[in-house]
């Protein structure tokens, strides 16, 4: 596996546009022009209709709700040691697809089911990371 410092992986060219946009501060997800569906993660074909030829990246507003979450008590990387525990959330975007982000500035014991969030991008050690902040109902 060959990866670059900007998060792109040469073995998965279908993710290149996603990483390029993320590095430019734009949150995009794949969209199938054939069946008009958004999906995530990027794939070589639409998971709904199978079309490999009608795909584009569309910018999304980043708004959604927490679908599921976990509390990480183990630092997956030594750089995260001072930050545990923290919440990793599966967020269902308004446009439909789900993606994983980190919830910032939250009580890790709280119930986040269906709580509104806004997904953003934050630079960490030169790499873009998805983060989410709670929004008022």
N, C-alpha and C. Protein backbone atom coordinates (compact mmCIF):
# COMPACT_ATOMS: atom_id res chain seq x y z
N UNK A 1 0.85 -1.17 0.00
CA UNK A 1 0.00 0.00 0.00
C UNK A 1 0.89 1.23 0.00
N UNK A 2 0.59 2.12 -0.90
CA UNK A 2 1.35 3.36 -0.99
C UNK A 2 0.44 4.50 -0.59
N UNK A 3 0.85 5.26 0.39
CA UNK A 3 0.03 6.41 0.74
C UNK A 3 0.91 7.65 0.77
N UNK A 4 0.25 8.76 0.62
CA UNK A 4 0.98 10.02 0.62
C UNK A 4 0.62 10.79 1.88
N UNK A 5 1.30 11.86 2.12
CA UNK A 5 1.07 12.62 3.34
C UNK A 5 -0.29 13.30 3.38
N UNK A 6 -0.95 13.43 2.25
CA UNK A 6 -2.25 14.10 2.26
C UNK A 6 -3.40 13.11 2.45
N UNK A 7 -3.12 11.85 2.76
CA UNK A 7 -4.17 10.89 3.03
C UNK A 7 -4.55 10.05 1.83
N UNK A 8 -4.13 10.42 0.64
CA UNK A 8 -4.51 9.66 -0.54
C UNK A 8 -3.74 8.35 -0.60
N UNK A 9 -4.39 7.34 -1.13
CA UNK A 9 -3.80 6.03 -1.26
C UNK A 9 -3.78 5.66 -2.73
N UNK A 10 -2.61 5.39 -3.28
CA UNK A 10 -2.47 5.10 -4.70
C UNK A 10 -3.21 3.83 -5.12
N UNK A 11 -3.46 2.92 -4.19
CA UNK A 11 -4.13 1.67 -4.54
C UNK A 11 -5.64 1.85 -4.74
N UNK A 12 -6.19 2.96 -4.32
CA UNK A 12 -7.62 3.20 -4.41
C UNK A 12 -7.89 4.52 -5.11
N UNK A 13 -7.75 4.56 -6.43
CA UNK A 13 -7.90 5.83 -7.16
C UNK A 13 -9.29 6.44 -7.03
N UNK A 14 -10.30 5.63 -6.72
CA UNK A 14 -11.65 6.19 -6.59
C UNK A 14 -11.77 7.13 -5.39
N UNK A 15 -10.79 7.10 -4.49
CA UNK A 15 -10.83 8.00 -3.34
C UNK A 15 -10.07 9.31 -3.57
N UNK A 16 -9.35 9.40 -4.69
CA UNK A 16 -8.48 10.56 -4.93
C UNK A 16 -9.23 11.88 -4.89
N UNK A 17 -10.37 11.98 -5.56
CA UNK A 17 -11.12 13.25 -5.59
C UNK A 17 -11.61 13.62 -4.19
N UNK A 18 -12.05 12.63 -3.42
CA UNK A 18 -12.49 12.89 -2.05
C UNK A 18 -11.35 13.50 -1.24
N UNK A 19 -10.14 12.89 -1.29
CA UNK A 19 -9.01 13.40 -0.52
C UNK A 19 -8.55 14.76 -1.03
N UNK A 20 -8.56 14.97 -2.33
CA UNK A 20 -8.17 16.27 -2.87
C UNK A 20 -9.11 17.36 -2.35
N UNK A 21 -10.40 17.09 -2.38
CA UNK A 21 -11.37 18.06 -1.89
C UNK A 21 -11.21 18.30 -0.39
N UNK A 22 -11.02 17.23 0.37
CA UNK A 22 -10.84 17.36 1.81
C UNK A 22 -9.60 18.19 2.13
N UNK A 23 -8.53 17.98 1.39
CA UNK A 23 -7.31 18.77 1.58
C UNK A 23 -7.52 20.24 1.24
N UNK A 24 -8.52 20.55 0.42
CA UNK A 24 -8.85 21.93 0.08
C UNK A 24 -9.93 22.51 0.99
N UNK A 25 -10.30 21.73 2.03
CA UNK A 25 -11.31 22.21 2.97
C UNK A 25 -12.74 22.03 2.51
N UNK A 26 -12.96 21.16 1.54
CA UNK A 26 -14.32 20.92 1.01
C UNK A 26 -14.76 19.51 1.36
N UNK A 27 -15.91 19.38 2.01
CA UNK A 27 -16.47 18.07 2.33
C UNK A 27 -17.35 17.62 1.16
N UNK A 28 -16.90 16.59 0.48
CA UNK A 28 -17.66 16.05 -0.65
C UNK A 28 -17.89 14.56 -0.43
N UNK A 29 -18.94 14.06 -1.05
CA UNK A 29 -19.20 12.62 -1.06
C UNK A 29 -19.57 12.22 -2.47
N UNK A 30 -19.36 10.95 -2.82
CA UNK A 30 -19.73 10.50 -4.15
C UNK A 30 -21.24 10.58 -4.38
N UNK A 31 -21.59 10.87 -5.62
CA UNK A 31 -22.99 10.95 -6.04
C UNK A 31 -23.13 10.23 -7.37
N UNK A 32 -24.17 9.43 -7.50
CA UNK A 32 -24.44 8.74 -8.76
C UNK A 32 -25.46 9.55 -9.54
N UNK A 33 -25.06 10.01 -10.71
CA UNK A 33 -25.96 10.79 -11.55
C UNK A 33 -27.06 9.91 -12.15
N UNK A 34 -26.79 8.63 -12.27
CA UNK A 34 -27.76 7.71 -12.88
C UNK A 34 -28.98 7.49 -11.98
N UNK A 35 -28.74 7.20 -10.69
CA UNK A 35 -29.87 6.92 -9.79
C UNK A 35 -30.09 8.04 -8.77
N UNK A 36 -29.30 9.13 -8.87
CA UNK A 36 -29.43 10.31 -8.02
C UNK A 36 -29.29 9.99 -6.54
N UNK A 37 -28.29 9.17 -6.21
CA UNK A 37 -28.04 8.82 -4.80
C UNK A 37 -26.62 9.19 -4.39
N UNK A 38 -26.52 9.65 -3.15
CA UNK A 38 -25.22 9.89 -2.53
C UNK A 38 -24.79 8.60 -1.84
N UNK A 39 -23.48 8.38 -1.73
CA UNK A 39 -23.01 7.23 -0.99
C UNK A 39 -21.63 7.53 -0.41
N UNK A 40 -21.25 6.72 0.57
CA UNK A 40 -19.94 6.84 1.19
C UNK A 40 -19.62 5.50 1.81
N UNK A 41 -18.39 5.05 1.72
CA UNK A 41 -17.19 5.70 1.22
C UNK A 41 -17.12 5.65 -0.31
N UNK A 42 -16.17 6.40 -0.89
CA UNK A 42 -15.99 6.35 -2.34
C UNK A 42 -15.74 4.92 -2.80
N UNK A 43 -16.29 4.59 -3.94
CA UNK A 43 -16.18 3.23 -4.48
C UNK A 43 -16.08 3.32 -6.01
N UNK A 44 -15.63 2.24 -6.65
CA UNK A 44 -15.50 2.27 -8.11
C UNK A 44 -16.83 2.25 -8.85
N UNK A 45 -17.92 1.95 -8.13
CA UNK A 45 -19.25 1.93 -8.74
C UNK A 45 -20.29 2.30 -7.70
N UNK A 46 -21.47 2.66 -8.17
CA UNK A 46 -22.56 3.03 -7.28
C UNK A 46 -23.06 1.77 -6.55
N UNK A 47 -23.15 1.80 -5.22
CA UNK A 47 -23.65 0.63 -4.50
C UNK A 47 -25.15 0.40 -4.70
N UNK A 48 -25.88 1.41 -5.20
CA UNK A 48 -27.32 1.24 -5.40
C UNK A 48 -27.65 0.66 -6.77
N UNK A 49 -27.06 1.22 -7.85
CA UNK A 49 -27.41 0.75 -9.20
C UNK A 49 -26.26 0.06 -9.91
N UNK A 50 -25.06 0.14 -9.34
CA UNK A 50 -23.90 -0.52 -9.93
C UNK A 50 -23.18 0.26 -11.01
N UNK A 51 -23.67 1.42 -11.36
CA UNK A 51 -23.06 2.20 -12.43
C UNK A 51 -21.64 2.64 -12.07
N UNK A 52 -20.67 2.34 -12.94
CA UNK A 52 -19.32 2.82 -12.70
C UNK A 52 -19.02 4.12 -13.46
N UNK A 53 -19.94 4.54 -14.31
CA UNK A 53 -19.66 5.62 -15.26
C UNK A 53 -20.32 6.95 -14.96
N UNK A 54 -21.21 7.00 -14.01
CA UNK A 54 -21.99 8.22 -13.78
C UNK A 54 -21.75 8.79 -12.39
N UNK A 55 -20.50 8.75 -11.93
CA UNK A 55 -20.18 9.17 -10.57
C UNK A 55 -19.51 10.54 -10.55
N UNK A 56 -19.85 11.31 -9.54
CA UNK A 56 -19.20 12.60 -9.34
C UNK A 56 -19.05 12.83 -7.84
N UNK A 57 -18.26 13.82 -7.47
CA UNK A 57 -18.14 14.24 -6.08
C UNK A 57 -18.98 15.49 -5.92
N UNK A 58 -19.87 15.49 -4.94
CA UNK A 58 -20.69 16.67 -4.68
C UNK A 58 -20.42 17.19 -3.28
N UNK A 59 -20.33 18.50 -3.18
CA UNK A 59 -20.14 19.11 -1.87
C UNK A 59 -21.43 18.98 -1.07
N UNK A 60 -21.28 18.66 0.22
CA UNK A 60 -22.44 18.52 1.11
C UNK A 60 -22.35 19.58 2.19
N UNK A 61 -23.48 19.86 2.84
CA UNK A 61 -23.51 20.94 3.83
C UNK A 61 -22.93 20.54 5.18
N UNK A 62 -22.69 19.25 5.40
CA UNK A 62 -22.09 18.79 6.64
C UNK A 62 -23.06 18.61 7.78
N UNK A 63 -24.33 18.94 7.56
CA UNK A 63 -25.32 18.78 8.63
C UNK A 63 -25.86 17.36 8.64
N UNK A 64 -26.10 16.87 9.85
CA UNK A 64 -26.66 15.53 9.98
C UNK A 64 -27.00 15.24 11.42
N UNK A 65 -27.23 13.95 11.69
CA UNK A 65 -27.54 13.50 13.05
C UNK A 65 -26.65 12.31 13.38
N UNK A 66 -26.41 12.15 14.68
CA UNK A 66 -25.63 11.01 15.14
C UNK A 66 -26.49 9.76 14.99
N UNK A 67 -25.99 8.81 14.24
CA UNK A 67 -26.67 7.53 14.03
C UNK A 67 -26.22 6.52 15.10
N UNK A 68 -24.92 6.52 15.38
CA UNK A 68 -24.35 5.62 16.37
C UNK A 68 -23.04 6.25 16.85
N UNK A 69 -22.51 5.75 17.96
CA UNK A 69 -21.26 6.28 18.47
C UNK A 69 -20.61 5.28 19.41
N UNK A 70 -19.32 5.49 19.62
CA UNK A 70 -18.57 4.73 20.62
C UNK A 70 -17.69 5.70 21.38
N UNK A 71 -17.30 5.29 22.56
CA UNK A 71 -16.34 6.07 23.34
C UNK A 71 -15.02 5.31 23.27
N UNK A 72 -14.00 5.99 22.79
CA UNK A 72 -12.66 5.39 22.69
C UNK A 72 -11.91 5.65 23.99
N UNK A 73 -11.61 4.57 24.69
CA UNK A 73 -10.83 4.66 25.92
C UNK A 73 -9.37 4.28 25.69
N UNK A 74 -9.10 3.72 24.52
CA UNK A 74 -7.75 3.29 24.16
C UNK A 74 -7.24 4.21 23.06
N UNK A 75 -6.06 4.79 23.22
CA UNK A 75 -5.51 5.66 22.18
C UNK A 75 -4.98 4.82 21.01
N UNK A 76 -5.59 4.93 19.85
CA UNK A 76 -5.20 4.15 18.69
C UNK A 76 -3.84 4.58 18.14
N UNK A 77 -3.38 5.71 18.60
CA UNK A 77 -2.09 6.25 18.21
C UNK A 77 -1.58 7.01 19.43
N UNK A 78 -0.29 6.99 19.65
CA UNK A 78 0.23 7.65 20.86
C UNK A 78 -0.05 9.15 20.89
N UNK A 79 -0.28 9.75 19.72
CA UNK A 79 -0.63 11.17 19.70
C UNK A 79 -1.98 11.45 20.35
N UNK A 80 -2.81 10.41 20.48
CA UNK A 80 -4.14 10.59 21.07
C UNK A 80 -4.17 10.32 22.58
N UNK A 81 -3.06 9.93 23.16
CA UNK A 81 -3.04 9.60 24.59
C UNK A 81 -3.64 10.71 25.45
N UNK A 82 -3.28 11.98 25.24
CA UNK A 82 -3.84 13.01 26.11
C UNK A 82 -5.33 13.27 25.87
N UNK A 83 -5.89 12.71 24.80
CA UNK A 83 -7.27 13.03 24.44
C UNK A 83 -8.28 11.97 24.84
N UNK A 84 -7.85 10.79 25.27
CA UNK A 84 -8.81 9.77 25.67
C UNK A 84 -9.41 10.11 27.02
N UNK A 85 -10.67 9.80 27.25
CA UNK A 85 -11.59 9.19 26.28
C UNK A 85 -12.16 10.25 25.33
N UNK A 86 -12.56 9.79 24.13
CA UNK A 86 -13.21 10.67 23.17
C UNK A 86 -14.27 9.88 22.41
N UNK A 87 -15.15 10.61 21.74
CA UNK A 87 -16.30 10.00 21.07
C UNK A 87 -16.08 9.97 19.56
N UNK A 88 -16.26 8.80 18.98
CA UNK A 88 -16.27 8.62 17.53
C UNK A 88 -17.71 8.35 17.14
N UNK A 89 -18.24 9.15 16.23
CA UNK A 89 -19.65 9.04 15.87
C UNK A 89 -19.84 8.67 14.41
N UNK A 90 -20.86 7.86 14.16
CA UNK A 90 -21.32 7.61 12.80
C UNK A 90 -22.44 8.63 12.57
N UNK A 91 -22.22 9.52 11.62
CA UNK A 91 -23.15 10.61 11.36
C UNK A 91 -23.88 10.36 10.05
N UNK A 92 -25.20 10.44 10.10
CA UNK A 92 -25.99 10.36 8.87
C UNK A 92 -26.20 11.77 8.37
N UNK A 93 -25.59 12.08 7.23
CA UNK A 93 -25.71 13.41 6.64
C UNK A 93 -27.11 13.66 6.12
N UNK A 94 -27.50 14.92 6.05
CA UNK A 94 -28.81 15.28 5.50
C UNK A 94 -28.99 14.71 4.09
N UNK A 95 -27.90 14.61 3.36
CA UNK A 95 -27.96 14.10 1.98
C UNK A 95 -28.10 12.58 1.92
N UNK A 96 -27.94 11.89 3.06
CA UNK A 96 -28.17 10.46 3.08
C UNK A 96 -27.05 9.56 3.54
N UNK A 97 -25.83 9.74 3.04
CA UNK A 97 -24.79 8.79 3.43
C UNK A 97 -24.32 8.99 4.87
N UNK A 98 -23.73 7.95 5.40
CA UNK A 98 -23.16 8.01 6.75
C UNK A 98 -21.64 8.03 6.66
N UNK A 99 -21.03 8.78 7.58
CA UNK A 99 -19.57 8.78 7.67
C UNK A 99 -19.18 8.90 9.14
N UNK A 100 -17.92 8.63 9.40
CA UNK A 100 -17.41 8.63 10.78
C UNK A 100 -16.63 9.90 11.06
N UNK A 101 -16.91 10.48 12.22
CA UNK A 101 -16.23 11.70 12.65
C UNK A 101 -15.97 11.62 14.15
N UNK A 102 -15.28 12.59 14.61
CA UNK A 102 -15.03 12.69 16.04
C UNK A 102 -15.88 13.83 16.59
N UNK A 103 -16.60 13.56 17.68
CA UNK A 103 -17.38 14.62 18.34
C UNK A 103 -16.46 15.40 19.25
N UNK A 104 -16.50 16.71 19.13
CA UNK A 104 -15.63 17.57 19.93
C UNK A 104 -16.38 18.17 21.11
N UNK A 105 -15.65 18.37 22.19
CA UNK A 105 -16.15 19.10 23.35
C UNK A 105 -17.47 18.56 23.87
N UNK A 106 -17.52 17.24 24.11
CA UNK A 106 -18.75 16.63 24.60
C UNK A 106 -18.46 15.82 25.88
N UNK A 107 -19.51 15.58 26.63
CA UNK A 107 -19.45 14.70 27.79
C UNK A 107 -19.54 13.28 27.25
N UNK A 108 -18.51 12.48 27.44
CA UNK A 108 -18.49 11.14 26.84
C UNK A 108 -19.55 10.21 27.42
N UNK A 109 -20.20 10.60 28.52
CA UNK A 109 -21.24 9.76 29.12
C UNK A 109 -22.63 10.10 28.58
N UNK A 110 -22.74 11.11 27.74
CA UNK A 110 -24.04 11.57 27.23
C UNK A 110 -24.61 10.61 26.19
N UNK A 111 -25.91 10.74 25.96
CA UNK A 111 -26.61 9.99 24.93
C UNK A 111 -26.68 10.89 23.69
N UNK A 112 -26.09 10.43 22.59
CA UNK A 112 -26.01 11.25 21.38
C UNK A 112 -26.98 10.81 20.28
N UNK A 113 -27.85 9.85 20.57
CA UNK A 113 -28.75 9.32 19.54
C UNK A 113 -29.59 10.43 18.92
N UNK A 114 -29.52 10.55 17.60
CA UNK A 114 -30.29 11.51 16.81
C UNK A 114 -30.00 12.97 17.15
N UNK A 115 -28.89 13.23 17.78
CA UNK A 115 -28.49 14.60 18.09
C UNK A 115 -27.94 15.25 16.83
N UNK A 116 -28.32 16.48 16.57
CA UNK A 116 -27.85 17.20 15.40
C UNK A 116 -26.38 17.60 15.51
N UNK A 117 -25.67 17.47 14.39
CA UNK A 117 -24.26 17.85 14.34
C UNK A 117 -23.96 18.56 13.03
N UNK A 118 -22.84 19.24 13.03
CA UNK A 118 -22.29 19.79 11.79
C UNK A 118 -20.89 19.22 11.67
N UNK A 119 -20.62 18.61 10.52
CA UNK A 119 -19.32 17.99 10.26
C UNK A 119 -18.40 19.03 9.64
N UNK A 120 -17.20 19.09 10.14
CA UNK A 120 -16.20 20.01 9.60
C UNK A 120 -14.89 19.30 9.38
N UNK A 121 -13.92 20.06 8.95
CA UNK A 121 -12.60 19.51 8.64
C UNK A 121 -11.58 20.25 9.49
N UNK A 122 -10.72 19.51 10.13
CA UNK A 122 -9.66 20.11 10.95
C UNK A 122 -8.33 19.48 10.58
N UNK A 123 -7.33 20.31 10.47
CA UNK A 123 -5.99 19.83 10.16
C UNK A 123 -5.35 19.27 11.42
N UNK A 124 -4.75 18.11 11.28
CA UNK A 124 -4.01 17.51 12.40
C UNK A 124 -2.72 16.93 11.84
N UNK A 125 -1.63 17.51 12.22
CA UNK A 125 -0.32 17.05 11.75
C UNK A 125 -0.23 17.03 10.23
N UNK A 126 -0.84 18.02 9.59
CA UNK A 126 -0.77 18.13 8.14
C UNK A 126 -1.76 17.27 7.39
N UNK A 127 -2.64 16.55 8.10
CA UNK A 127 -3.66 15.72 7.45
C UNK A 127 -5.05 16.21 7.82
N UNK A 128 -5.99 16.18 6.87
CA UNK A 128 -7.35 16.59 7.20
C UNK A 128 -8.08 15.50 7.97
N UNK A 129 -8.80 15.90 9.02
CA UNK A 129 -9.60 14.97 9.81
C UNK A 129 -11.02 15.51 9.91
N UNK A 130 -11.99 14.60 9.83
CA UNK A 130 -13.38 15.00 10.00
C UNK A 130 -13.69 15.12 11.49
N UNK A 131 -14.31 16.20 11.84
CA UNK A 131 -14.74 16.44 13.22
C UNK A 131 -16.20 16.89 13.19
N UNK A 132 -16.89 16.72 14.30
CA UNK A 132 -18.28 17.17 14.38
C UNK A 132 -18.50 17.93 15.66
N UNK A 133 -19.36 18.92 15.56
CA UNK A 133 -19.76 19.68 16.74
C UNK A 133 -21.27 19.61 16.83
N UNK A 134 -21.77 19.56 18.06
CA UNK A 134 -23.21 19.51 18.28
C UNK A 134 -23.83 20.83 17.88
N UNK A 135 -25.04 20.77 17.33
CA UNK A 135 -25.77 21.98 16.99
C UNK A 135 -27.04 22.04 17.81
N UNK A 136 -27.48 23.23 18.10
CA UNK A 136 -28.71 23.41 18.87
C UNK A 136 -29.90 22.91 18.06
N UNK A 137 -30.85 22.26 18.74
CA UNK A 137 -32.04 21.75 18.02
C UNK A 137 -32.89 22.84 17.42
